[in-house]
Amino acid sequence: MAKDLTRGNVFSSIVGFSVPIFLANVFQQLYNMADSFIVGRFVGKTAFAAVGSTGSINFLILGFVLGMCTGVTIPVAQRFGAGDYSGMRRKITDAMFACIVMGIVITALSAVMTGSMLRWMKTPDDIYRDAYNYIFIIFLGIPTLLMYNLPANISRALGDSKTPLYFLLLSAGLNVVLDIIGVCVLHLGVRGTAIATVTSQLVSGLACIFYMRKKYEKLLTFDREELEIRPYGIFTSSKIGMPMGFQFSITAIGTVVLQAAVNAIGSDCVAAINAANKINSIVTQPFEALGATMATYAGQNLGAGDIDRVKKGVRVSIVLSAIFAVAMFIVNTTFGTPISTIFLKKADINAQLIGYISKFLFINSTGFFLLGTLLILRNCLQGLGFSVAAMGAGLFEMVARTVIAFAAKGEQAYPIICTANVAAWIMANVILIPLYIWGVKRIKKVLNT
């Protein structure tokens, strides 16, 4: 059901909208983890490290796609908040054609560049072939990623964060079943997990589209004019969507440089950070959910002309983020290391590997409040239409990670690498806090004139 976030109690609106997003994100991570778990357990540490070594270029390319999908639907949220439903449908059409064009271009380029990107990252020879086989198939599946994420983000723009959850649950369950078949029955190795991921995305995407057409039959019934290709409308949507995509990609460039530094240390470090990041990907989801909520919340309330309600939402979200930061620090430092070992065979686990994992988790956990603040402010700015300004945070993150990567030399290389995320989050907030204050003042001035 569509939900108007411009009315009612601010705390209830944010919590009610963010909980389904949190659950969806957790299941998204769980089915991503299923790939690593099954590969690590049934193929081995080398294959596990291979899948993990592709994480940064996966984020580089797929992060752009996900950011693009979120960005092009912000005008949908703004038109919905303003009560302009015909304009909202036109913005959906613009978003759809923008994603089709970008999907074709990105799929072709990423598939052609796969080998070069892995070499640039200094992927160790013993994991290169598996890394290539896995990420190449994932890149070919970019259209299926779009097929799910665009309708999911349209649903969220309408205030409905539950529908994407239902179909992500479908995708997660199907992915696990197909992983087991591909790896344990057909013995396809890492290719089996990649095929499972792409197939599950395709099925959940098609199901989400058909369900939304039926559920929002009146709201999403288009007339001929609303379905017309409008070059200027596509350009306008892309002007918001592409900076959000580049935001992810710019951030990912720093991650790619950092991954190259990790790869240079050896496959044990790659495996340790991959295992630790699987845990981090779960415990950081409360912050991701608050951030995603703020994009829709800010967009709808901007459409309604209520910037004060946006400010209240930011304050509530930051308080919630502080509470989650303390809770997730305790969870991560207490249970993170033992849980992370489930991704590896017992024979592959040693004291050095455990030490690597523990150090990475502890240092990263100290910066969770910084991460939460970053995500809330960045998504709020994007929801208010300041996508290009928010992209500056990605530049600061990239610089921080790149500096850390070049500083990671000698015996202290691994401890230095462990500080990279926290340094990046600090640098992002340095630019986001003044940008948020500036953006709110600018909109308030426009609304008062």
Foldseek 3Di string as FASTA:
>chain_A
DFDQLQDDDLLCLLVVLLVLVLLLLLLVLVLVVLLLQCLQAQPHLLLSLLQLLCVLVCLQQVLLLLLLLLQLQLVLLLCVLLVNLLVSLLSLLLSVVLSVVVLVVSLVVCLVCLLVLCVVLVADPSNSVSNSLQVNLLSNLSVLLNLLNNLCSNCVSSVHSNLSSVLSVQLSVQLNVQLCCQCVPVVVRSNSSNVSNSVSSNVSSVVSVVVCCVVPVPSNDHDPVSNDDDVVSNVVSSVLRNLSSVLSNLLSLLVSLLSSLQSVVHSLSSSLVSLLVSLVSSLLSSLLSSLSSLLSSLSSNVSVVNLVSSVVSLVSQLVVQVVSLVVSLVCCLPPVLVVSCSSHDPVPDDPVSSVLNNLLSNLVSVQSSLSSNLSNLLSNCSSNPNSNQSSVLSNQLSVQSNVLSVVQDDPCNSNSSSNSNSNSSVRSCVRRVVVSVVSSVVSVVVSVD
